[in-house]
Amino acid sequence: MLSAKTCNRVLAAVSSFFEFLISVERYRGGDNPIGTVADQAAVRVPGRYRPPLVTSRPQRPVRRALRVKTVEALPRPMSVDTYGALLAVLRTRRDRALLELMWEGGLRPGEVLGLRLEDISYGQRRIVVRHRNDHPAGVR
């Protein structure tokens, strides 16, 4: 039995093959049997790729009308043994503090690397996570 993602890949490959046959006029059946519909959610994505030439045709994002429903798996947390081994290997207090923030506070690596001293309130035991674009290594 194939997984849902594998089935969707096969359907996408078959649909692309039909599109190719239609483009070279080898398929006389009319439209692609695996139809597509406009993807309104992808149209609204602000950072979506735009063609560089003014004369190029605007892209319209589409998705397959026929697909198998997939369920995204949640990320698995690190085991306590793995965390302890990783903590034992780290040499500096800074690295241990960063790992503790990620483990105990549920922060992502980019959020921890973007912290500054003014974001930490020691007396209140609070940390403020801010959206920053000015990290020297480009971390977001």
N, C-alpha and C. Protein backbone atom coordinates (compact mmCIF):
# COMPACT_ATOMS: atom_id res chain seq x y z
N MET A 1 0.85 -1.17 0.00
CA MET A 1 0.00 0.00 0.00
C MET A 1 0.90 1.24 0.00
N LEU A 2 0.58 2.19 -0.85
CA LEU A 2 1.37 3.41 -0.98
C LEU A 2 0.84 4.47 -0.02
N SER A 3 1.75 5.34 0.42
CA SER A 3 1.33 6.43 1.28
C SER A 3 0.60 7.49 0.45
N ALA A 4 -0.09 8.39 1.14
CA ALA A 4 -0.86 9.43 0.45
C ALA A 4 0.06 10.36 -0.34
N LYS A 5 1.22 10.68 0.21
CA LYS A 5 2.16 11.56 -0.50
C LYS A 5 2.68 10.90 -1.77
N THR A 6 2.94 9.59 -1.71
CA THR A 6 3.40 8.87 -2.89
C THR A 6 2.32 8.86 -3.96
N CYS A 7 1.08 8.63 -3.56
CA CYS A 7 -0.03 8.66 -4.52
C CYS A 7 -0.16 10.03 -5.18
N ASN A 8 0.00 11.10 -4.42
CA ASN A 8 -0.08 12.44 -4.98
C ASN A 8 1.07 12.71 -5.95
N ARG A 9 2.25 12.17 -5.66
CA ARG A 9 3.38 12.32 -6.59
C ARG A 9 3.12 11.60 -7.90
N VAL A 10 2.56 10.40 -7.81
CA VAL A 10 2.24 9.64 -9.03
C VAL A 10 1.19 10.38 -9.85
N LEU A 11 0.16 10.90 -9.19
CA LEU A 11 -0.88 11.66 -9.89
C LEU A 11 -0.30 12.90 -10.56
N ALA A 12 0.61 13.59 -9.88
CA ALA A 12 1.25 14.77 -10.45
C ALA A 12 2.09 14.40 -11.66
N ALA A 13 2.80 13.27 -11.60
CA ALA A 13 3.62 12.83 -12.73
C ALA A 13 2.75 12.47 -13.93
N VAL A 14 1.65 11.77 -13.68
CA VAL A 14 0.75 11.41 -14.78
C VAL A 14 0.13 12.65 -15.39
N SER A 15 -0.27 13.61 -14.55
CA SER A 15 -0.85 14.85 -15.05
C SER A 15 0.16 15.63 -15.88
N SER A 16 1.40 15.69 -15.42
CA SER A 16 2.45 16.40 -16.17
C SER A 16 2.71 15.71 -17.51
N PHE A 17 2.66 14.38 -17.51
CA PHE A 17 2.85 13.65 -18.76
C PHE A 17 1.73 13.96 -19.75
N PHE A 18 0.47 14.02 -19.27
CA PHE A 18 -0.64 14.39 -20.14
C PHE A 18 -0.46 15.81 -20.67
N GLU A 19 0.01 16.73 -19.82
CA GLU A 19 0.26 18.11 -20.27
C GLU A 19 1.31 18.13 -21.37
N PHE A 20 2.33 17.30 -21.22
CA PHE A 20 3.37 17.22 -22.26
C PHE A 20 2.77 16.69 -23.56
N LEU A 21 1.99 15.61 -23.48
CA LEU A 21 1.38 15.04 -24.68
C LEU A 21 0.45 16.03 -25.37
N ILE A 22 -0.28 16.80 -24.58
CA ILE A 22 -1.17 17.82 -25.16
C ILE A 22 -0.35 18.90 -25.84
N SER A 23 0.79 19.30 -25.23
CA SER A 23 1.60 20.37 -25.81
C SER A 23 2.26 19.96 -27.13
N VAL A 24 2.59 18.69 -27.30
CA VAL A 24 3.21 18.24 -28.56
C VAL A 24 2.16 17.65 -29.50
N GLU A 25 0.89 17.81 -29.15
CA GLU A 25 -0.25 17.41 -29.98
C GLU A 25 -0.25 15.91 -30.29
N ARG A 26 0.10 15.10 -29.32
CA ARG A 26 0.05 13.65 -29.48
C ARG A 26 -1.16 13.05 -28.79
N TYR A 27 -1.80 13.84 -27.95
CA TYR A 27 -2.96 13.35 -27.21
C TYR A 27 -4.20 14.01 -27.79
N ARG A 28 -5.10 13.21 -28.32
CA ARG A 28 -6.29 13.74 -28.99
C ARG A 28 -7.53 13.71 -28.09
N GLY A 29 -7.35 13.37 -26.82
CA GLY A 29 -8.49 13.21 -25.92
C GLY A 29 -9.06 14.51 -25.40
N GLY A 30 -8.50 15.64 -25.77
CA GLY A 30 -9.01 16.92 -25.29
C GLY A 30 -8.21 17.42 -24.10
N ASP A 31 -8.90 17.64 -22.99
CA ASP A 31 -8.24 18.18 -21.81
C ASP A 31 -7.53 17.10 -21.01
N ASN A 32 -6.73 17.56 -20.10
CA ASN A 32 -6.02 16.66 -19.19
C ASN A 32 -7.04 15.94 -18.31
N PRO A 33 -7.00 14.60 -18.26
CA PRO A 33 -7.98 13.89 -17.43
C PRO A 33 -7.84 14.16 -15.94
N ILE A 34 -6.64 14.52 -15.51
CA ILE A 34 -6.42 14.91 -14.12
C ILE A 34 -6.41 16.43 -14.10
N GLY A 35 -7.56 17.01 -13.92
CA GLY A 35 -7.72 18.45 -14.04
C GLY A 35 -7.03 19.23 -12.92
N THR A 36 -6.89 20.51 -13.17
CA THR A 36 -6.31 21.41 -12.17
C THR A 36 -7.30 22.53 -11.89
N VAL A 37 -7.21 23.07 -10.70
CA VAL A 37 -8.03 24.21 -10.31
C VAL A 37 -7.09 25.31 -9.81
N ALA A 38 -7.54 26.54 -9.93
CA ALA A 38 -6.73 27.67 -9.46
C ALA A 38 -6.57 27.58 -7.95
N ASP A 39 -5.35 27.82 -7.49
CA ASP A 39 -5.06 27.77 -6.06
C ASP A 39 -5.08 29.19 -5.52
N GLN A 40 -6.20 29.59 -4.95
CA GLN A 40 -6.37 30.95 -4.47
C GLN A 40 -5.46 31.28 -3.30
N ALA A 41 -5.14 30.29 -2.48
CA ALA A 41 -4.27 30.54 -1.33
C ALA A 41 -2.86 30.88 -1.79
N ALA A 42 -2.35 30.20 -2.81
CA ALA A 42 -0.99 30.47 -3.30
C ALA A 42 -0.90 31.82 -3.99
N VAL A 43 -2.00 32.31 -4.55
CA VAL A 43 -1.99 33.61 -5.21
C VAL A 43 -1.72 34.72 -4.19
N ARG A 44 -2.21 34.53 -2.96
CA ARG A 44 -2.10 35.57 -1.94
C ARG A 44 -0.76 35.57 -1.21
N VAL A 45 0.12 34.64 -1.50
CA VAL A 45 1.41 34.58 -0.82
C VAL A 45 2.25 35.76 -1.28
N PRO A 46 2.71 36.63 -0.35
CA PRO A 46 3.40 37.84 -0.77
C PRO A 46 4.78 37.60 -1.38
N GLY A 47 5.51 36.59 -0.93
CA GLY A 47 6.87 36.38 -1.43
C GLY A 47 6.95 35.42 -2.59
N ARG A 48 5.83 35.23 -3.30
CA ARG A 48 5.80 34.27 -4.39
C ARG A 48 6.65 34.75 -5.56
N TYR A 49 7.27 33.81 -6.27
CA TYR A 49 8.14 34.14 -7.40
C TYR A 49 7.35 34.84 -8.50
N ARG A 50 7.91 35.90 -9.02
CA ARG A 50 7.34 36.60 -10.15
C ARG A 50 8.35 36.55 -11.31
N PRO A 51 7.90 36.34 -12.53
CA PRO A 51 8.83 36.30 -13.66
C PRO A 51 9.55 37.62 -13.81
N PRO A 52 10.83 37.60 -14.20
CA PRO A 52 11.60 38.85 -14.27
C PRO A 52 11.25 39.73 -15.46
N LEU A 53 10.73 39.18 -16.53
CA LEU A 53 10.44 39.98 -17.72
C LEU A 53 9.03 40.53 -17.68
N VAL A 54 8.90 41.75 -18.12
CA VAL A 54 7.59 42.39 -18.15
C VAL A 54 6.69 41.72 -19.18
N THR A 55 7.29 41.22 -20.26
CA THR A 55 6.51 40.65 -21.34
C THR A 55 6.10 39.20 -21.08
N SER A 56 6.62 38.59 -20.03
CA SER A 56 6.27 37.19 -19.77
C SER A 56 4.85 37.10 -19.21
N ARG A 57 4.23 35.98 -19.48
CA ARG A 57 2.86 35.76 -19.03
C ARG A 57 2.82 35.56 -17.51
N PRO A 58 1.90 36.17 -16.82
CA PRO A 58 1.85 35.97 -15.36
C PRO A 58 1.52 34.52 -15.02
N GLN A 59 2.16 34.03 -14.01
CA GLN A 59 1.92 32.65 -13.59
C GLN A 59 0.67 32.59 -12.73
N ARG A 60 -0.12 31.56 -12.96
CA ARG A 60 -1.30 31.32 -12.15
C ARG A 60 -1.09 30.02 -11.40
N PRO A 61 -0.92 30.07 -10.10
CA PRO A 61 -0.71 28.82 -9.35
C PRO A 61 -1.94 27.93 -9.43
N VAL A 62 -1.69 26.65 -9.66
CA VAL A 62 -2.77 25.68 -9.74
C VAL A 62 -2.44 24.51 -8.84
N ARG A 63 -3.46 23.74 -8.52
CA ARG A 63 -3.25 22.49 -7.80
C ARG A 63 -4.13 21.44 -8.44
N ARG A 64 -3.78 20.21 -8.23
CA ARG A 64 -4.52 19.11 -8.82
C ARG A 64 -5.90 18.99 -8.18
N ALA A 65 -6.91 18.78 -9.01
CA ALA A 65 -8.26 18.61 -8.50
C ALA A 65 -8.42 17.23 -7.87
N LEU A 66 -7.67 16.27 -8.37
CA LEU A 66 -7.74 14.91 -7.87
C LEU A 66 -6.49 14.65 -7.03
N ARG A 67 -6.64 14.54 -5.73
CA ARG A 67 -5.52 14.24 -4.86
C ARG A 67 -6.00 13.48 -3.64
N VAL A 68 -5.05 12.85 -3.01
CA VAL A 68 -5.33 12.10 -1.80
C VAL A 68 -5.03 13.01 -0.61
N LYS A 69 -5.91 13.03 0.36
CA LYS A 69 -5.72 13.89 1.52
C LYS A 69 -4.54 13.39 2.34
N THR A 70 -3.65 14.31 2.69
CA THR A 70 -2.47 13.96 3.49
C THR A 70 -2.56 14.63 4.85
N VAL A 71 -1.94 14.01 5.81
CA VAL A 71 -1.88 14.55 7.16
C VAL A 71 -0.42 14.83 7.46
N GLU A 72 -0.13 16.07 7.80
CA GLU A 72 1.25 16.44 8.12
C GLU A 72 1.60 15.92 9.50
N ALA A 73 2.71 15.23 9.59
CA ALA A 73 3.15 14.69 10.87
C ALA A 73 3.77 15.80 11.72
N LEU A 74 3.50 15.77 13.00
CA LEU A 74 4.10 16.72 13.91
C LEU A 74 5.55 16.33 14.16
N PRO A 75 6.43 17.32 14.37
CA PRO A 75 7.82 16.97 14.66
C PRO A 75 7.92 16.25 16.00
N ARG A 76 8.79 15.27 16.05
CA ARG A 76 8.98 14.51 17.29
C ARG A 76 10.00 15.24 18.17
N PRO A 77 9.71 15.39 19.44
CA PRO A 77 10.68 16.04 20.32
C PRO A 77 11.89 15.14 20.56
N MET A 78 12.97 15.77 20.92
CA MET A 78 14.19 15.05 21.23
C MET A 78 14.01 14.28 22.54
N SER A 79 14.57 13.09 22.62
CA SER A 79 14.44 12.31 23.85
C SER A 79 15.31 12.93 24.95
N VAL A 80 14.97 12.63 26.18
CA VAL A 80 15.71 13.18 27.33
C VAL A 80 17.15 12.68 27.31
N ASP A 81 17.37 11.44 26.92
CA ASP A 81 18.74 10.90 26.86
C ASP A 81 19.57 11.63 25.81
N THR A 82 18.99 11.87 24.64
CA THR A 82 19.70 12.60 23.59
C THR A 82 20.00 14.02 24.02
N TYR A 83 19.03 14.64 24.69
CA TYR A 83 19.24 16.01 25.17
C TYR A 83 20.37 16.05 26.20
N GLY A 84 20.39 15.10 27.12
CA GLY A 84 21.46 15.06 28.12
C GLY A 84 22.83 14.85 27.50
N ALA A 85 22.90 13.97 26.50
CA ALA A 85 24.17 13.73 25.81
C ALA A 85 24.63 14.98 25.06
N LEU A 86 23.70 15.67 24.42
CA LEU A 86 24.05 16.90 23.70
C LEU A 86 24.51 17.99 24.66
N LEU A 87 23.84 18.10 25.80
CA LEU A 87 24.20 19.11 26.79
C LEU A 87 25.59 18.82 27.38
N ALA A 88 25.94 17.53 27.55
CA ALA A 88 27.24 17.16 28.10
C ALA A 88 28.38 17.47 27.13
N VAL A 89 28.09 17.46 25.84
CA VAL A 89 29.14 17.71 24.84
C VAL A 89 29.47 19.19 24.71
N LEU A 90 28.49 20.06 24.95
CA LEU A 90 28.71 21.50 24.79
C LEU A 90 29.70 22.00 25.83
N ARG A 91 30.61 22.87 25.40
CA ARG A 91 31.70 23.31 26.28
C ARG A 91 31.46 24.67 26.91
N THR A 92 30.84 25.60 26.19
CA THR A 92 30.70 26.96 26.72
C THR A 92 29.34 27.15 27.38
N ARG A 93 29.31 28.09 28.32
CA ARG A 93 28.06 28.41 29.00
C ARG A 93 27.04 29.00 28.03
N ARG A 94 27.54 29.76 27.07
CA ARG A 94 26.65 30.37 26.09
C ARG A 94 25.89 29.30 25.31
N ASP A 95 26.59 28.29 24.83
CA ASP A 95 25.94 27.24 24.06
C ASP A 95 24.95 26.45 24.92
N ARG A 96 25.33 26.21 26.17
CA ARG A 96 24.40 25.50 27.07
C ARG A 96 23.16 26.34 27.33
N ALA A 97 23.35 27.65 27.49
CA ALA A 97 22.21 28.54 27.74
C ALA A 97 21.28 28.57 26.52
N LEU A 98 21.85 28.60 25.33
CA LEU A 98 21.04 28.60 24.11
C LEU A 98 20.24 27.30 24.00
N LEU A 99 20.89 26.18 24.30
CA LEU A 99 20.20 24.90 24.24
C LEU A 99 19.09 24.81 25.30
N GLU A 100 19.36 25.32 26.49
CA GLU A 100 18.35 25.33 27.54
C GLU A 100 17.14 26.18 27.15
N LEU A 101 17.41 27.33 26.51
CA LEU A 101 16.30 28.18 26.05
C LEU A 101 15.44 27.45 25.03
N MET A 102 16.08 26.76 24.14
CA MET A 102 15.31 26.04 23.12
C MET A 102 14.54 24.88 23.74
N TRP A 103 15.16 24.17 24.69
CA TRP A 103 14.53 23.00 25.30
C TRP A 103 13.39 23.40 26.24
N GLU A 104 13.67 24.31 27.16
CA GLU A 104 12.69 24.68 28.17
C GLU A 104 11.65 25.68 27.66
N GLY A 105 12.07 26.59 26.79
CA GLY A 105 11.15 27.62 26.33
C GLY A 105 10.46 27.31 25.02
N GLY A 106 10.89 26.25 24.35
CA GLY A 106 10.27 25.90 23.07
C GLY A 106 10.63 26.87 21.96
N LEU A 107 11.77 27.53 22.08
CA LEU A 107 12.18 28.49 21.06
C LEU A 107 12.86 27.78 19.90
N ARG A 108 12.72 28.35 18.72
CA ARG A 108 13.38 27.83 17.54
C ARG A 108 14.80 28.39 17.47
N PRO A 109 15.67 27.74 16.70
CA PRO A 109 17.07 28.22 16.63
C PRO A 109 17.19 29.67 16.18
N GLY A 110 16.41 30.07 15.18
CA GLY A 110 16.48 31.45 14.70
C GLY A 110 16.05 32.45 15.75
N GLU A 111 15.06 32.07 16.58
CA GLU A 111 14.60 32.97 17.63
C GLU A 111 15.67 33.13 18.71
N VAL A 112 16.35 32.05 19.05
CA VAL A 112 17.39 32.12 20.07
C VAL A 112 18.59 32.91 19.56
N LEU A 113 18.97 32.68 18.30
CA LEU A 113 20.13 33.39 17.76
C LEU A 113 19.86 34.88 17.55
N GLY A 114 18.58 35.27 17.47
CA GLY A 114 18.25 36.68 17.30
C GLY A 114 18.11 37.45 18.60
N LEU A 115 18.29 36.78 19.73
CA LEU A 115 18.16 37.47 21.02
C LEU A 115 19.30 38.44 21.26
N ARG A 116 18.97 39.51 21.96
CA ARG A 116 19.97 40.49 22.40
C ARG A 116 19.82 40.67 23.90
N LEU A 117 20.79 41.31 24.53
CA LEU A 117 20.75 41.49 25.98
C LEU A 117 19.53 42.28 26.43
N GLU A 118 19.10 43.26 25.64
CA GLU A 118 17.94 44.05 26.04
C GLU A 118 16.63 43.27 25.94
N ASP A 119 16.65 42.10 25.32
CA ASP A 119 15.45 41.26 25.23
C ASP A 119 15.25 40.39 26.48
N ILE A 120 16.24 40.36 27.36
CA ILE A 120 16.19 39.49 28.52
C ILE A 120 15.94 40.33 29.76
N SER A 121 14.89 40.00 30.51
CA SER A 121 14.58 40.65 31.78
C SER A 121 14.88 39.65 32.89
N TYR A 122 16.06 39.79 33.48
CA TYR A 122 16.48 38.81 34.50
C TYR A 122 15.59 38.85 35.73
N GLY A 123 15.21 40.05 36.18
CA GLY A 123 14.40 40.18 37.39
C GLY A 123 13.00 39.59 37.23
N GLN A 124 12.43 39.75 36.05
CA GLN A 124 11.08 39.23 35.80
C GLN A 124 11.10 37.81 35.24
N ARG A 125 12.29 37.30 34.96
CA ARG A 125 12.45 35.97 34.36
C ARG A 125 11.66 35.85 33.06
N ARG A 126 11.83 36.87 32.20
CA ARG A 126 11.13 36.94 30.93
C ARG A 126 12.12 37.17 29.79
N ILE A 127 11.75 36.64 28.63
CA ILE A 127 12.51 36.86 27.40
C ILE A 127 11.52 37.32 26.34
N VAL A 128 11.86 38.37 25.62
CA VAL A 128 11.01 38.89 24.56
C VAL A 128 11.62 38.45 23.23
N VAL A 129 10.84 37.73 22.44
CA VAL A 129 11.29 37.29 21.12
C VAL A 129 10.74 38.26 20.10
N ARG A 130 11.63 38.88 19.34
CA ARG A 130 11.23 39.89 18.35
C ARG A 130 11.58 39.42 16.95
N HIS A 131 10.81 39.90 15.98
CA HIS A 131 11.12 39.62 14.57
C HIS A 131 12.23 40.58 14.14
N ARG A 132 13.33 40.01 13.68
CA ARG A 132 14.47 40.84 13.27
C ARG A 132 14.94 40.41 11.90
N ASN A 133 15.40 41.38 11.13
CA ASN A 133 15.99 41.11 9.82
C ASN A 133 17.45 41.54 9.75
N ASP A 134 18.03 41.94 10.89
CA ASP A 134 19.36 42.53 10.87
C ASP A 134 20.44 41.62 11.43
N HIS A 135 20.22 40.32 11.48
CA HIS A 135 21.24 39.40 12.00
C HIS A 135 22.38 39.32 11.00
N PRO A 136 23.65 39.38 11.49
CA PRO A 136 24.79 39.38 10.56
C PRO A 136 24.87 38.13 9.68
N ALA A 137 24.40 37.00 10.18
CA ALA A 137 24.45 35.76 9.39
C ALA A 137 23.16 35.53 8.62
N GLY A 138 22.22 36.46 8.70
CA GLY A 138 20.97 36.33 7.98
C GLY A 138 19.96 35.42 8.65
N VAL A 139 20.15 35.12 9.95
CA VAL A 139 19.23 34.25 10.66
C VAL A 139 17.91 34.97 10.85
N ARG A 140 16.79 34.27 10.63
CA ARG A 140 15.47 34.89 10.81
C ARG A 140 14.66 34.04 11.75
